[in-house]
């Protein structure tokens, strides 16, 4: 019924013991001990739940980061293929029209693959120079065009301002009187 833990304190098993002969003070002490244990267990449970939630969030971030890194590695592997196709297309103008068309189709498929990976081709036609999207490789004086206009692309770019794979290398205009 009542066990003696040491000479000063006794513990009471409120569930299994017959409580006859146990003082109210001993019952209150046992209740306080059980309440303290419950509070400790609840605190440990809350901490474990918070740790699990933090772990889940961290793992989600790490998986997304790994996916993004792999997506970028895969997209970067396509860049030399696209550059080679672009160079081949510049020389393919003398080839049969069907060969030239086939090469253009393969180039379009490669660009579509990059778009599917989240890196669309940067549209340059009639654009104003944007340092987030373009890399100026040359500046040409041209009084007929607005300043900072993109007039030629030397290497296509892929991505968005938030997710850039490679900026487009472009030729930009300026007015003759600008420095």
C-alpha atoms as a PDB file:
ATOM      1  CA  UNK A   1       0.000   0.000   0.000  1.00  0.00           C
ATOM      2  CA  UNK A   2       2.446   2.683   1.070  1.00  0.00           C
ATOM      3  CA  UNK A   3       6.104   2.202   0.310  1.00  0.00           C
ATOM      4  CA  UNK A   4       8.871   3.872   2.159  1.00  0.00           C
ATOM      5  CA  UNK A   5      11.307   5.497  -0.268  1.00  0.00           C
ATOM      6  CA  UNK A   6      13.563   6.794   2.428  1.00  0.00           C
ATOM      7  CA  UNK A   7      12.980   7.802   5.994  1.00  0.00           C
ATOM      8  CA  UNK A   8      11.697  11.280   5.137  1.00  0.00           C
ATOM      9  CA  UNK A   9       9.388  10.687   2.135  1.00  0.00           C
ATOM     10  CA  UNK A  10       6.942   8.047   1.151  1.00  0.00           C
ATOM     11  CA  UNK A  11       5.411   7.610  -2.273  1.00  0.00           C
ATOM     12  CA  UNK A  12       1.893   6.515  -2.822  1.00  0.00           C
ATOM     13  CA  UNK A  13       0.743   4.515  -5.823  1.00  0.00           C
ATOM     14  CA  UNK A  14      -2.659   6.119  -6.311  1.00  0.00           C
ATOM     15  CA  UNK A  15      -3.779   3.630  -8.930  1.00  0.00           C
ATOM     16  CA  UNK A  16      -2.819   0.267  -7.461  1.00  0.00           C
ATOM     17  CA  UNK A  17      -2.908   0.767  -3.707  1.00  0.00           C
ATOM     18  CA  UNK A  18      -5.703   0.726  -1.246  1.00  0.00           C
ATOM     19  CA  UNK A  19      -5.671   4.239   0.149  1.00  0.00           C
ATOM     20  CA  UNK A  20      -6.994   3.407   3.557  1.00  0.00           C
ATOM     21  CA  UNK A  21      -4.613   4.620   6.158  1.00  0.00           C
ATOM     22  CA  UNK A  22      -2.957   7.144   3.808  1.00  0.00           C
ATOM     23  CA  UNK A  23      -3.088  10.704   4.975  1.00  0.00           C
ATOM     24  CA  UNK A  24      -4.466  13.528   2.869  1.00  0.00           C
ATOM     25  CA  UNK A  25      -1.034  15.146   2.851  1.00  0.00           C
ATOM     26  CA  UNK A  26       0.516  12.027   1.333  1.00  0.00           C
ATOM     27  CA  UNK A  27      -2.216  11.906  -1.321  1.00  0.00           C
ATOM     28  CA  UNK A  28      -1.672  15.606  -2.185  1.00  0.00           C
ATOM     29  CA  UNK A  29       2.076  15.030  -2.362  1.00  0.00           C
ATOM     30  CA  UNK A  30       1.524  12.030  -4.641  1.00  0.00           C
ATOM     31  CA  UNK A  31      -0.847  14.074  -6.814  1.00  0.00           C
ATOM     32  CA  UNK A  32       1.715  16.883  -7.029  1.00  0.00           C
ATOM     33  CA  UNK A  33       4.401  14.375  -8.013  1.00  0.00           C
ATOM     34  CA  UNK A  34       2.147  12.889 -10.698  1.00  0.00           C
ATOM     35  CA  UNK A  35       1.250  16.388 -11.944  1.00  0.00           C
ATOM     36  CA  UNK A  36       4.944  17.275 -12.133  1.00  0.00           C
ATOM     37  CA  UNK A  37       5.685  14.075 -14.050  1.00  0.00           C
ATOM     38  CA  UNK A  38       2.786  14.801 -16.399  1.00  0.00           C
ATOM     39  CA  UNK A  39       4.017  18.349 -16.939  1.00  0.00           C
ATOM     40  CA  UNK A  40       7.521  17.050 -17.654  1.00  0.00           C
ATOM     41  CA  UNK A  41       6.152  14.448 -20.081  1.00  0.00           C
ATOM     42  CA  UNK A  42       4.003  17.061 -21.844  1.00  0.00           C
ATOM     43  CA  UNK A  43       6.978  19.397 -22.108  1.00  0.00           C
ATOM     44  CA  UNK A  44       9.129  16.606 -23.585  1.00  0.00           C
ATOM     45  CA  UNK A  45       6.301  15.696 -25.981  1.00  0.00           C
ATOM     46  CA  UNK A  46       5.926  19.328 -27.145  1.00  0.00           C
ATOM     47  CA  UNK A  47       9.683  19.621 -27.639  1.00  0.00           C
ATOM     48  CA  UNK A  48       9.756  16.360 -29.605  1.00  0.00           C
ATOM     49  CA  UNK A  49       6.833  17.528 -31.743  1.00  0.00           C
ATOM     50  CA  UNK A  50       8.576  20.864 -32.387  1.00  0.00           C
ATOM     51  CA  UNK A  51      11.844  19.080 -33.211  1.00  0.00           C
ATOM     52  CA  UNK A  52       9.989  16.807 -35.638  1.00  0.00           C
ATOM     53  CA  UNK A  53       8.270  19.789 -37.272  1.00  0.00           C
ATOM     54  CA  UNK A  54      11.606  21.616 -37.612  1.00  0.00           C
ATOM     55  CA  UNK A  55      13.207  18.472 -39.042  1.00  0.00           C
ATOM     56  CA  UNK A  56      10.362  18.072 -41.550  1.00  0.00           C
ATOM     57  CA  UNK A  57      10.681  21.720 -42.647  1.00  0.00           C
ATOM     58  CA  UNK A  58      14.474  21.484 -42.914  1.00  0.00           C
ATOM     59  CA  UNK A  59      14.275  18.279 -44.936  1.00  0.00           C
ATOM     60  CA  UNK A  60      11.710  19.869 -47.263  1.00  0.00           C
ATOM     61  CA  UNK A  61      14.067  22.827 -47.819  1.00  0.00           C
ATOM     62  CA  UNK A  62      17.059  20.537 -48.351  1.00  0.00           C
ATOM     63  CA  UNK A  63      15.169  18.356 -50.840  1.00  0.00           C
ATOM     64  CA  UNK A  64      14.012  21.446 -52.756  1.00  0.00           C
ATOM     65  CA  UNK A  65      17.567  22.829 -52.769  1.00  0.00           C
ATOM     66  CA  UNK A  66      18.928  19.507 -54.036  1.00  0.00           C
ATOM     67  CA  UNK A  67      16.255  19.397 -56.745  1.00  0.00           C
ATOM     68  CA  UNK A  68      17.061  22.945 -57.819  1.00  0.00           C
ATOM     69  CA  UNK A  69      20.793  22.192 -57.924  1.00  0.00           C
ATOM     70  CA  UNK A  70      20.218  19.051 -59.994  1.00  0.00           C
ATOM     71  CA  UNK A  71      17.818  20.920 -62.282  1.00  0.00           C
ATOM     72  CA  UNK A  72      20.506  23.569 -62.818  1.00  0.00           C
ATOM     73  CA  UNK A  73      23.241  20.952 -63.435  1.00  0.00           C
ATOM     74  CA  UNK A  74      21.059  19.246 -66.012  1.00  0.00           C
ATOM     75  CA  UNK A  75      20.217  22.536 -67.705  1.00  0.00           C
ATOM     76  CA  UNK A  76      23.898  23.552 -67.779  1.00  0.00           C
ATOM     77  CA  UNK A  77      24.676  20.255 -69.539  1.00  0.00           C
ATOM     78  CA  UNK A  78      22.311  21.308 -72.350  1.00  0.00           C
ATOM     79  CA  UNK A  79      24.006  24.683 -72.936  1.00  0.00           C
ATOM     80  CA  UNK A  80      26.964  23.353 -74.987  1.00  0.00           C
ATOM     81  CA  UNK A  81      24.525  21.312 -77.089  1.00  0.00           C
ATOM     82  CA  UNK A  82      22.459  24.412 -77.834  1.00  0.00           C
ATOM     83  CA  UNK A  83      25.571  26.470 -78.571  1.00  0.00           C
ATOM     84  CA  UNK A  84      26.794  23.769 -80.966  1.00  0.00           C
ATOM     85  CA  UNK A  85      23.418  23.637 -82.694  1.00  0.00           C
ATOM     86  CA  UNK A  86      23.383  27.433 -83.029  1.00  0.00           C
ATOM     87  CA  UNK A  87      26.865  27.411 -84.597  1.00  0.00           C
ATOM     88  CA  UNK A  88      25.862  24.575 -86.906  1.00  0.00           C
ATOM     89  CA  UNK A  89      22.746  26.478 -87.960  1.00  0.00           C
ATOM     90  CA  UNK A  90      24.823  29.494 -88.975  1.00  0.00           C
ATOM     91  CA  UNK A  91      26.787  27.268 -91.355  1.00  0.00           C
ATOM     92  CA  UNK A  92      23.792  25.168 -92.432  1.00  0.00           C
ATOM     93  CA  UNK A  93      22.314  27.878 -94.652  1.00  0.00           C
ATOM     94  CA  UNK A  94      24.084  26.252 -97.619  1.00  0.00           C
ATOM     95  CA  UNK A  95      22.713  22.805 -96.758  1.00  0.00           C
ATOM     96  CA  UNK A  96      19.581  21.197 -98.058  1.00  0.00           C
ATOM     97  CA  UNK A  97      16.438  22.851 -96.648  1.00  0.00           C
ATOM     98  CA  UNK A  98      15.331  19.611 -94.981  1.00  0.00           C
ATOM     99  CA  UNK A  99      18.669  19.305 -93.131  1.00  0.00           C
ATOM    100  CA  UNK A 100      18.455  22.930 -92.021  1.00  0.00           C
ATOM    101  CA  UNK A 101      14.838  22.440 -90.885  1.00  0.00           C
ATOM    102  CA  UNK A 102      15.762  19.282 -89.003  1.00  0.00           C
ATOM    103  CA  UNK A 103      18.551  21.067 -87.170  1.00  0.00           C
ATOM    104  CA  UNK A 104      16.169  23.882 -86.245  1.00  0.00           C
ATOM    105  CA  UNK A 105      13.693  21.324 -84.910  1.00  0.00           C
ATOM    106  CA  UNK A 106      16.366  19.668 -82.752  1.00  0.00           C
ATOM    107  CA  UNK A 107      17.449  23.086 -81.464  1.00  0.00           C
ATOM    108  CA  UNK A 108      13.816  23.909 -80.600  1.00  0.00           C
ATOM    109  CA  UNK A 109      13.516  20.609 -78.711  1.00  0.00           C
ATOM    110  CA  UNK A 110      16.636  21.384 -76.678  1.00  0.00           C
ATOM    111  CA  UNK A 111      15.295  24.873 -75.865  1.00  0.00           C
ATOM    112  CA  UNK A 112      11.956  23.294 -74.859  1.00  0.00           C
ATOM    113  CA  UNK A 113      13.814  20.928 -72.532  1.00  0.00           C
ATOM    114  CA  UNK A 114      15.451  23.914 -70.822  1.00  0.00           C
ATOM    115  CA  UNK A 115      12.073  25.646 -70.581  1.00  0.00           C
ATOM    116  CA  UNK A 116      10.636  22.509 -68.942  1.00  0.00           C
ATOM    117  CA  UNK A 117      13.486  22.628 -66.414  1.00  0.00           C
ATOM    118  CA  UNK A 118      12.502  26.214 -65.552  1.00  0.00           C
ATOM    119  CA  UNK A 119      14.963  28.099 -67.759  1.00  0.00           C
ATOM    120  CA  UNK A 120      13.131  29.660 -70.720  1.00  0.00           C
ATOM    121  CA  UNK A 121      15.106  31.289 -73.508  1.00  0.00           C
ATOM    122  CA  UNK A 122      15.475  35.015 -72.942  1.00  0.00           C
ATOM    123  CA  UNK A 123      13.550  36.928 -75.589  1.00  0.00           C
ATOM    124  CA  UNK A 124      15.745  39.669 -77.011  1.00  0.00           C
ATOM    125  CA  UNK A 125      13.882  40.966 -80.096  1.00  0.00           C
ATOM    126  CA  UNK A 126      13.423  44.728 -79.693  1.00  0.00           C
ATOM    127  CA  UNK A 127      14.376  44.622 -76.017  1.00  0.00           C
ATOM    128  CA  UNK A 128      16.021  47.344 -74.016  1.00  0.00           C
ATOM    129  CA  UNK A 129      19.254  46.308 -72.322  1.00  0.00           C
ATOM    130  CA  UNK A 130      18.532  44.801 -68.891  1.00  0.00           C
ATOM    131  CA  UNK A 131      21.621  43.864 -66.836  1.00  0.00           C
ATOM    132  CA  UNK A 132      19.640  41.105 -65.091  1.00  0.00           C
ATOM    133  CA  UNK A 133      18.927  39.384 -68.419  1.00  0.00           C
ATOM    134  CA  UNK A 134      21.682  40.552 -70.744  1.00  0.00           C
ATOM    135  CA  UNK A 135      25.451  40.686 -70.821  1.00  0.00           C
ATOM    136  CA  UNK A 136      26.684  43.487 -73.073  1.00  0.00           C
ATOM    137  CA  UNK A 137      29.591  42.163 -75.120  1.00  0.00           C
ATOM    138  CA  UNK A 138      29.748  45.144 -77.458  1.00  0.00           C
ATOM    139  CA  UNK A 139      28.384  48.675 -77.736  1.00  0.00           C
ATOM    140  CA  UNK A 140      27.656  50.186 -81.145  1.00  0.00           C
ATOM    141  CA  UNK A 141      26.943  53.829 -81.938  1.00  0.00           C
ATOM    142  CA  UNK A 142      23.635  54.121 -83.756  1.00  0.00           C
ATOM    143  CA  UNK A 143      21.728  57.407 -84.063  1.00  0.00           C
ATOM    144  CA  UNK A 144      18.670  55.711 -85.579  1.00  0.00           C
ATOM    145  CA  UNK A 145      18.014  53.345 -82.655  1.00  0.00           C
ATOM    146  CA  UNK A 146      17.080  54.279 -79.107  1.00  0.00           C
ATOM    147  CA  UNK A 147      20.003  54.120 -76.682  1.00  0.00           C
ATOM    148  CA  UNK A 148      20.495  50.865 -74.765  1.00  0.00           C
ATOM    149  CA  UNK A 149      18.607  48.882 -77.414  1.00  0.00           C
ATOM    150  CA  UNK A 150      19.652  45.307 -78.073  1.00  0.00           C
ATOM    151  CA  UNK A 151      20.437  45.002 -81.779  1.00  0.00           C
ATOM    152  CA  UNK A 152      22.116  41.585 -81.922  1.00  0.00           C
ATOM    153  CA  UNK A 153      22.525  38.417 -79.865  1.00  0.00           C
ATOM    154  CA  UNK A 154      25.928  36.753 -79.885  1.00  0.00           C
ATOM    155  CA  UNK A 155      24.924  33.961 -77.486  1.00  0.00           C
ATOM    156  CA  UNK A 156      21.378  33.125 -76.342  1.00  0.00           C
ATOM    157  CA  UNK A 157      20.547  33.344 -72.666  1.00  0.00           C
ATOM    158  CA  UNK A 158      18.284  31.160 -70.565  1.00  0.00           C
ATOM    159  CA  UNK A 159      16.423  31.837 -67.353  1.00  0.00           C
ATOM    160  CA  UNK A 160      14.480  34.510 -65.556  1.00  0.00           C
ATOM    161  CA  UNK A 161      15.725  37.345 -63.342  1.00  0.00           C
ATOM    162  CA  UNK A 162      14.950  35.171 -60.291  1.00  0.00           C
ATOM    163  CA  UNK A 163      16.488  31.991 -61.722  1.00  0.00           C
ATOM    164  CA  UNK A 164      19.262  32.767 -64.201  1.00  0.00           C
ATOM    165  CA  UNK A 165      21.111  29.980 -65.973  1.00  0.00           C
ATOM    166  CA  UNK A 166      23.040  32.226 -68.330  1.00  0.00           C
ATOM    167  CA  UNK A 167      22.422  35.833 -69.453  1.00  0.00           C
ATOM    168  CA  UNK A 168      22.105  36.556 -73.157  1.00  0.00           C
ATOM    169  CA  UNK A 169      25.287  38.010 -74.650  1.00  0.00           C
ATOM    170  CA  UNK A 170      24.140  41.014 -76.674  1.00  0.00           C
ATOM    171  CA  UNK A 171      25.260  44.003 -78.723  1.00  0.00           C
ATOM    172  CA  UNK A 172      23.809  47.253 -77.377  1.00  0.00           C
ATOM    173  CA  UNK A 173      23.374  50.653 -79.014  1.00  0.00           C
ATOM    174  CA  UNK A 174      24.278  54.077 -77.799  1.00  0.00           C
ATOM    175  CA  UNK A 175      23.987  57.517 -79.305  1.00  0.00           C
ATOM    176  CA  UNK A 176      27.117  58.944 -80.922  1.00  0.00           C
ATOM    177  CA  UNK A 177      27.240  61.832 -78.440  1.00  0.00           C
ATOM    178  CA  UNK A 178      27.145  59.536 -75.335  1.00  0.00           C
ATOM    179  CA  UNK A 179      30.287  58.537 -73.489  1.00  0.00           C
END
